[in-house]
Amino acid sequence: MTKQLQLILRLMRDERVHPLVKVLPFLSLIYLVYPDLVPGPFDDAVVIALFLQFFLTLIPDELIDEHKIELELQEKNTNEKDNIIEGEFWEE
């Protein structure tokens, strides 16, 4: 789930995403504050997930793929840096 949230945050900062589409994640946050907007047995998590899924559906696949690749490269670079152990060579 964290990868999807990272993807959504990156798409929100992308200028190529239409501003009206960027409103959808904010609507899901408004629903958290005012849960009585949609009457009935809707669970907050389901409504928020639907808003975010609708947001991703309205964005072109090419743009989503581009951001997914960048996230994977960023994660790979972070993992490679974590594997490096700093040390000093000491000779007697």
N, C-alpha and C. Protein backbone atom coordinates (compact mmCIF):
# COMPACT_ATOMS: atom_id res chain seq x y z
N MET A 1 0.82 -1.20 0.00
CA MET A 1 0.00 0.00 0.00
C MET A 1 0.86 1.27 0.00
N THR A 2 2.02 1.19 0.61
CA THR A 2 2.87 2.39 0.65
C THR A 2 3.36 2.77 -0.75
N LYS A 3 3.59 1.77 -1.60
CA LYS A 3 4.02 2.09 -2.97
C LYS A 3 2.92 2.83 -3.71
N GLN A 4 1.67 2.44 -3.49
CA GLN A 4 0.56 3.12 -4.15
C GLN A 4 0.42 4.55 -3.64
N LEU A 5 0.63 4.76 -2.35
CA LEU A 5 0.57 6.12 -1.81
C LEU A 5 1.71 6.97 -2.34
N GLN A 6 2.89 6.38 -2.48
CA GLN A 6 4.01 7.11 -3.07
C GLN A 6 3.71 7.49 -4.51
N LEU A 7 3.10 6.57 -5.24
CA LEU A 7 2.72 6.84 -6.63
C LEU A 7 1.71 7.98 -6.69
N ILE A 8 0.72 7.96 -5.82
CA ILE A 8 -0.30 9.01 -5.81
C ILE A 8 0.33 10.36 -5.47
N LEU A 9 1.22 10.40 -4.51
CA LEU A 9 1.89 11.66 -4.15
C LEU A 9 2.72 12.19 -5.31
N ARG A 10 3.42 11.30 -6.02
CA ARG A 10 4.21 11.73 -7.18
C ARG A 10 3.29 12.27 -8.28
N LEU A 11 2.17 11.62 -8.50
CA LEU A 11 1.23 12.06 -9.53
C LEU A 11 0.59 13.39 -9.15
N MET A 12 0.38 13.62 -7.87
CA MET A 12 -0.18 14.89 -7.43
C MET A 12 0.78 16.05 -7.72
N ARG A 13 2.08 15.79 -7.68
CA ARG A 13 3.07 16.83 -7.95
C ARG A 13 3.35 17.00 -9.44
N ASP A 14 2.91 16.05 -10.25
CA ASP A 14 3.18 16.09 -11.69
C ASP A 14 2.28 17.13 -12.35
N GLU A 15 2.89 18.03 -13.10
CA GLU A 15 2.14 19.09 -13.77
C GLU A 15 1.30 18.58 -14.93
N ARG A 16 1.60 17.39 -15.42
CA ARG A 16 0.86 16.84 -16.57
C ARG A 16 -0.50 16.28 -16.16
N VAL A 17 -0.72 16.09 -14.87
CA VAL A 17 -2.01 15.59 -14.38
C VAL A 17 -2.95 16.79 -14.28
N HIS A 18 -4.14 16.64 -14.83
CA HIS A 18 -5.13 17.72 -14.85
C HIS A 18 -5.50 18.12 -13.42
N PRO A 19 -5.61 19.43 -13.17
CA PRO A 19 -5.93 19.90 -11.81
C PRO A 19 -7.26 19.36 -11.26
N LEU A 20 -8.24 19.16 -12.11
CA LEU A 20 -9.51 18.62 -11.63
C LEU A 20 -9.39 17.17 -11.17
N VAL A 21 -8.49 16.43 -11.79
CA VAL A 21 -8.25 15.05 -11.38
C VAL A 21 -7.56 15.04 -10.02
N LYS A 22 -6.72 16.04 -9.77
CA LYS A 22 -6.01 16.12 -8.49
C LYS A 22 -6.94 16.40 -7.32
N VAL A 23 -8.16 16.80 -7.61
CA VAL A 23 -9.14 17.09 -6.56
C VAL A 23 -9.60 15.79 -5.88
N LEU A 24 -9.59 14.69 -6.58
CA LEU A 24 -10.13 13.43 -6.04
C LEU A 24 -9.46 12.97 -4.75
N PRO A 25 -8.12 12.96 -4.65
CA PRO A 25 -7.53 12.58 -3.36
C PRO A 25 -7.93 13.53 -2.22
N PHE A 26 -8.10 14.80 -2.55
CA PHE A 26 -8.53 15.74 -1.51
C PHE A 26 -9.97 15.47 -1.08
N LEU A 27 -10.80 15.05 -2.03
CA LEU A 27 -12.17 14.68 -1.68
C LEU A 27 -12.20 13.50 -0.72
N SER A 28 -11.27 12.57 -0.91
CA SER A 28 -11.22 11.43 0.02
C SER A 28 -10.81 11.88 1.41
N LEU A 29 -9.93 12.88 1.49
CA LEU A 29 -9.56 13.42 2.80
C LEU A 29 -10.72 14.18 3.44
N ILE A 30 -11.49 14.89 2.62
CA ILE A 30 -12.66 15.59 3.14
C ILE A 30 -13.67 14.59 3.69
N TYR A 31 -13.78 13.46 3.02
CA TYR A 31 -14.70 12.42 3.50
C TYR A 31 -14.28 11.94 4.89
N LEU A 32 -12.98 11.89 5.16
CA LEU A 32 -12.52 11.50 6.50
C LEU A 32 -13.00 12.49 7.56
N VAL A 33 -13.00 13.77 7.21
CA VAL A 33 -13.41 14.80 8.15
C VAL A 33 -14.93 14.83 8.30
N TYR A 34 -15.63 14.67 7.20
CA TYR A 34 -17.10 14.70 7.20
C TYR A 34 -17.64 13.38 6.68
N PRO A 35 -17.62 12.32 7.49
CA PRO A 35 -18.02 11.00 6.99
C PRO A 35 -19.51 10.87 6.70
N ASP A 36 -20.32 11.83 7.07
CA ASP A 36 -21.76 11.72 6.84
C ASP A 36 -22.17 12.24 5.47
N LEU A 37 -21.22 12.57 4.61
CA LEU A 37 -21.56 13.03 3.26
C LEU A 37 -22.25 11.94 2.46
N VAL A 38 -21.84 10.70 2.64
CA VAL A 38 -22.45 9.58 1.94
C VAL A 38 -23.18 8.73 2.97
N PRO A 39 -24.51 8.83 2.99
CA PRO A 39 -25.25 8.06 4.00
C PRO A 39 -25.25 6.57 3.67
N GLY A 40 -25.34 5.77 4.68
CA GLY A 40 -25.40 4.33 4.48
C GLY A 40 -24.25 3.63 5.15
N PRO A 41 -24.14 2.34 4.88
CA PRO A 41 -23.14 1.52 5.58
C PRO A 41 -21.76 1.51 4.92
N PHE A 42 -21.37 2.63 4.35
CA PHE A 42 -20.06 2.69 3.70
C PHE A 42 -18.96 2.79 4.74
N ASP A 43 -17.97 1.99 4.59
CA ASP A 43 -16.82 2.07 5.47
C ASP A 43 -15.88 3.14 4.93
N ASP A 44 -15.28 3.90 5.82
CA ASP A 44 -14.39 4.99 5.39
C ASP A 44 -13.27 4.49 4.48
N ALA A 45 -12.68 3.37 4.82
CA ALA A 45 -11.57 2.85 4.03
C ALA A 45 -12.01 2.50 2.61
N VAL A 46 -13.21 1.97 2.47
CA VAL A 46 -13.70 1.59 1.14
C VAL A 46 -13.93 2.83 0.29
N VAL A 47 -14.53 3.86 0.87
CA VAL A 47 -14.80 5.08 0.12
C VAL A 47 -13.50 5.76 -0.29
N ILE A 48 -12.55 5.83 0.62
CA ILE A 48 -11.26 6.45 0.30
C ILE A 48 -10.54 5.65 -0.79
N ALA A 49 -10.56 4.33 -0.68
CA ALA A 49 -9.93 3.49 -1.69
C ALA A 49 -10.58 3.69 -3.06
N LEU A 50 -11.90 3.84 -3.09
CA LEU A 50 -12.60 4.08 -4.36
C LEU A 50 -12.20 5.42 -4.97
N PHE A 51 -12.11 6.46 -4.15
CA PHE A 51 -11.68 7.76 -4.65
C PHE A 51 -10.27 7.67 -5.24
N LEU A 52 -9.37 7.02 -4.53
CA LEU A 52 -7.99 6.93 -5.01
C LEU A 52 -7.88 6.05 -6.26
N GLN A 53 -8.68 4.99 -6.32
CA GLN A 53 -8.67 4.15 -7.50
C GLN A 53 -9.23 4.90 -8.71
N PHE A 54 -10.27 5.68 -8.49
CA PHE A 54 -10.84 6.50 -9.56
C PHE A 54 -9.82 7.52 -10.03
N PHE A 55 -9.06 8.10 -9.10
CA PHE A 55 -7.98 9.03 -9.44
C PHE A 55 -6.97 8.37 -10.37
N LEU A 56 -6.54 7.16 -10.01
CA LEU A 56 -5.55 6.44 -10.84
C LEU A 56 -6.14 6.02 -12.19
N THR A 57 -7.43 5.77 -12.23
CA THR A 57 -8.08 5.37 -13.48
C THR A 57 -8.11 6.52 -14.48
N LEU A 58 -8.22 7.74 -14.00
CA LEU A 58 -8.32 8.90 -14.89
C LEU A 58 -6.97 9.37 -15.43
N ILE A 59 -5.89 8.84 -14.90
CA ILE A 59 -4.55 9.25 -15.36
C ILE A 59 -4.09 8.27 -16.45
N PRO A 60 -3.49 8.78 -17.52
CA PRO A 60 -3.03 7.89 -18.59
C PRO A 60 -2.03 6.84 -18.08
N ASP A 61 -2.14 5.64 -18.65
CA ASP A 61 -1.28 4.53 -18.23
C ASP A 61 0.21 4.82 -18.42
N GLU A 62 0.54 5.55 -19.49
CA GLU A 62 1.94 5.87 -19.75
C GLU A 62 2.54 6.69 -18.61
N LEU A 63 1.76 7.63 -18.09
CA LEU A 63 2.24 8.48 -17.01
C LEU A 63 2.41 7.68 -15.72
N ILE A 64 1.48 6.79 -15.45
CA ILE A 64 1.58 5.93 -14.27
C ILE A 64 2.79 5.01 -14.38
N ASP A 65 2.98 4.42 -15.56
CA ASP A 65 4.13 3.53 -15.77
C ASP A 65 5.45 4.28 -15.58
N GLU A 66 5.50 5.50 -16.08
CA GLU A 66 6.72 6.31 -15.93
C GLU A 66 7.05 6.52 -14.46
N HIS A 67 6.06 6.86 -13.67
CA HIS A 67 6.30 7.10 -12.24
C HIS A 67 6.61 5.80 -11.50
N LYS A 68 6.00 4.70 -11.91
CA LYS A 68 6.30 3.41 -11.27
C LYS A 68 7.76 3.02 -11.50
N ILE A 69 8.24 3.24 -12.73
CA ILE A 69 9.64 2.92 -13.05
C ILE A 69 10.57 3.79 -12.22
N GLU A 70 10.27 5.08 -12.12
CA GLU A 70 11.11 5.97 -11.32
C GLU A 70 11.12 5.56 -9.85
N LEU A 71 9.96 5.13 -9.32
CA LEU A 71 9.90 4.67 -7.94
C LEU A 71 10.73 3.41 -7.74
N GLU A 72 10.67 2.48 -8.70
CA GLU A 72 11.45 1.25 -8.60
C GLU A 72 12.95 1.55 -8.65
N LEU A 73 13.36 2.46 -9.53
CA LEU A 73 14.77 2.84 -9.60
C LEU A 73 15.23 3.51 -8.31
N GLN A 74 14.37 4.36 -7.76
CA GLN A 74 14.69 5.03 -6.51
C GLN A 74 14.83 4.01 -5.37
N GLU A 75 13.93 3.04 -5.34
CA GLU A 75 13.99 2.00 -4.30
C GLU A 75 15.23 1.14 -4.47
N LYS A 76 15.57 0.81 -5.73
CA LYS A 76 16.76 0.00 -5.99
C LYS A 76 18.02 0.73 -5.55
N ASN A 77 18.11 2.02 -5.85
CA ASN A 77 19.28 2.82 -5.44
C ASN A 77 19.37 2.90 -3.93
N THR A 78 18.25 3.03 -3.26
CA THR A 78 18.24 3.09 -1.80
C THR A 78 18.71 1.77 -1.22
N ASN A 79 18.24 0.64 -1.78
CA ASN A 79 18.65 -0.67 -1.29
C ASN A 79 20.13 -0.91 -1.51
N GLU A 80 20.67 -0.46 -2.64
CA GLU A 80 22.09 -0.64 -2.92
C GLU A 80 22.94 0.17 -1.94
N LYS A 81 22.48 1.36 -1.58
CA LYS A 81 23.22 2.17 -0.62
C LYS A 81 23.18 1.53 0.76
N ASP A 82 22.09 0.85 1.09
CA ASP A 82 21.98 0.19 2.38
C ASP A 82 22.93 -1.00 2.50
N ASN A 83 23.33 -1.58 1.38
CA ASN A 83 24.21 -2.75 1.39
C ASN A 83 25.68 -2.38 1.53
N ILE A 84 26.03 -1.11 1.41
CA ILE A 84 27.42 -0.68 1.49
C ILE A 84 27.79 -0.48 2.95
N ILE A 85 28.88 -1.09 3.35
CA ILE A 85 29.37 -0.95 4.72
C ILE A 85 30.64 -0.10 4.67
N GLU A 86 30.60 1.04 5.35
CA GLU A 86 31.75 1.92 5.40
C GLU A 86 32.77 1.34 6.37
N GLY A 87 34.02 1.44 6.04
CA GLY A 87 35.05 0.93 6.92
C GLY A 87 36.42 1.43 6.50
N GLU A 88 37.40 1.15 7.31
CA GLU A 88 38.77 1.54 7.01
C GLU A 88 39.64 0.31 7.01
N PHE A 89 40.63 0.32 6.14
CA PHE A 89 41.57 -0.77 6.08
C PHE A 89 42.74 -0.44 7.00
N TRP A 90 43.08 -1.37 7.86
CA TRP A 90 44.15 -1.11 8.82
C TRP A 90 45.22 -2.16 8.67
N GLU A 91 46.43 -1.73 8.41
CA GLU A 91 47.56 -2.63 8.25
C GLU A 91 48.53 -2.42 9.40
N GLU A 92 49.05 -3.52 9.92
CA GLU A 92 50.05 -3.40 10.99
C GLU A 92 51.41 -3.71 10.47
